[in-house]
Amino acid sequence: MNLTIDSIHFKADSKLLEYIEKKAGKISKYYDKVIDLDVKLKLESNGQVRDKIVEFILKVPGEKLYISSVEKTFEAAVDTGLDSLKRQLKRYKEKQRGR
């Protein structure tokens, strides 16, 4: 699995990148045919509140799975997004078995 992490309009620190690599590396144990995982990190300012947005684009044979997560910290957004991505990947895998 190829992992690509892009931080848009800011520079992510190494601790955050290591955290994402560690967590995202486990996604391939749910489905062994994962091709790529693209992670995009964004900041959104709404007045005084700065939300963190993490978008996941998972490429599997014949399909792209997309998840976006918004939280107060990047770590929380990564955890929430990966949980949703795992559920979506399990559903995709079950659908493939049915064919």
Protein backbone atom coordinates (compact mmCIF):
# COMPACT_ATOMS: atom_id res chain seq x y z
CA MET A 1 0.00 0.00 0.00
CA ASN A 2 1.29 3.43 -0.94
CA LEU A 3 0.62 6.16 1.62
CA THR A 4 0.67 9.83 0.59
CA ILE A 5 0.17 12.60 3.15
CA ASP A 6 -0.40 16.18 1.98
CA SER A 7 -0.74 19.15 4.29
CA ILE A 8 -2.47 21.99 2.50
CA HIS A 9 -1.39 25.58 3.31
CA PHE A 10 0.70 24.58 6.34
CA LYS A 11 3.63 22.34 7.27
CA ALA A 12 2.73 19.32 9.38
CA ASP A 13 5.21 18.37 12.10
CA SER A 14 6.95 15.02 12.12
CA LYS A 15 5.04 13.71 15.16
CA LEU A 16 1.72 14.15 13.33
CA LEU A 17 3.07 12.47 10.19
CA GLU A 18 4.39 9.51 12.22
CA TYR A 19 1.03 9.22 13.99
CA ILE A 20 -0.83 9.11 10.67
CA GLU A 21 1.61 6.58 9.19
CA LYS A 22 1.26 4.32 12.23
CA LYS A 23 -2.55 4.45 12.26
CA ALA A 24 -3.07 4.31 8.50
CA GLY A 25 -0.63 1.42 8.10
CA LYS A 26 -3.10 -0.83 9.90
CA ILE A 27 -5.83 -0.32 7.27
CA SER A 28 -4.36 -2.99 5.00
CA LYS A 29 -5.13 -5.72 7.53
CA TYR A 30 -8.85 -5.20 6.83
CA TYR A 31 -8.45 -5.72 3.08
CA ASP A 32 -5.23 -6.95 1.50
CA LYS A 33 -5.86 -5.49 -1.97
CA VAL A 34 -5.53 -1.83 -0.96
CA ILE A 35 -3.56 0.05 -3.63
CA ASP A 36 -3.16 3.63 -2.33
CA LEU A 37 -4.21 5.76 0.59
CA ASP A 38 -4.08 9.53 0.14
CA VAL A 39 -4.45 11.67 3.27
CA LYS A 40 -5.07 15.40 2.98
CA LEU A 41 -4.75 17.66 6.03
CA LYS A 42 -6.49 21.05 6.00
CA LEU A 43 -7.17 23.90 8.42
CA GLU A 44 -10.53 25.65 8.43
CA SER A 45 -11.02 28.96 10.22
CA ASN A 46 -14.51 29.96 11.28
CA GLY A 47 -13.97 33.11 13.30
CA GLN A 48 -12.18 32.08 16.49
CA VAL A 49 -12.60 28.33 16.03
CA ARG A 50 -9.99 26.51 13.94
CA ASP A 51 -11.25 23.10 12.89
CA LYS A 52 -8.95 20.45 11.50
CA ILE A 53 -10.10 18.54 8.41
CA VAL A 54 -8.65 15.20 7.36
CA GLU A 55 -9.70 13.63 4.06
CA PHE A 56 -8.94 10.02 3.18
CA ILE A 57 -9.06 8.66 -0.37
CA LEU A 58 -8.54 4.90 -0.43
CA LYS A 59 -7.98 3.23 -3.78
CA VAL A 60 -8.92 -0.42 -4.12
CA PRO A 61 -9.34 -2.36 -7.36
CA GLY A 62 -12.16 -0.73 -9.33
CA GLU A 63 -13.22 1.71 -6.60
CA LYS A 64 -12.25 4.81 -4.60
CA LEU A 65 -13.50 5.14 -1.03
CA TYR A 66 -13.70 8.69 0.33
CA ILE A 67 -14.00 9.86 3.94
CA SER A 68 -13.78 13.36 5.39
CA SER A 69 -13.50 14.02 9.11
CA VAL A 70 -13.65 17.35 11.01
CA GLU A 71 -12.50 17.60 14.64
CA LYS A 72 -10.70 20.01 16.98
CA THR A 73 -7.36 18.16 16.63
CA PHE A 74 -5.78 16.32 13.74
CA GLU A 75 -5.29 13.20 15.87
CA ALA A 76 -8.99 13.01 16.69
CA ALA A 77 -9.90 13.62 13.04
CA VAL A 78 -7.52 10.85 11.94
CA ASP A 79 -9.01 8.40 14.45
CA THR A 80 -12.60 9.23 13.51
CA GLY A 81 -11.87 9.12 9.80
CA LEU A 82 -10.01 5.81 9.96
CA ASP A 83 -12.85 4.22 11.95
CA SER A 84 -15.31 5.28 9.24
CA LEU A 85 -12.93 4.12 6.53
CA LYS A 86 -12.61 0.69 8.18
CA ARG A 87 -16.39 0.29 8.23
CA GLN A 88 -16.67 1.37 4.60
CA LEU A 89 -13.84 -0.99 3.61
CA LYS A 90 -15.50 -3.92 5.39
CA ARG A 91 -18.76 -3.21 3.52
CA TYR A 92 -16.85 -3.05 0.23
CA LYS A 93 -15.13 -6.36 1.02
CA GLU A 94 -18.44 -8.06 1.82
CA LYS A 95 -19.93 -6.73 -1.41
CA GLN A 96 -16.98 -8.18 -3.34
CA ARG A 97 -17.49 -11.61 -1.75
CA GLY A 98 -21.11 -11.58 -2.82
CA ARG A 99 -20.19 -11.36 -6.50
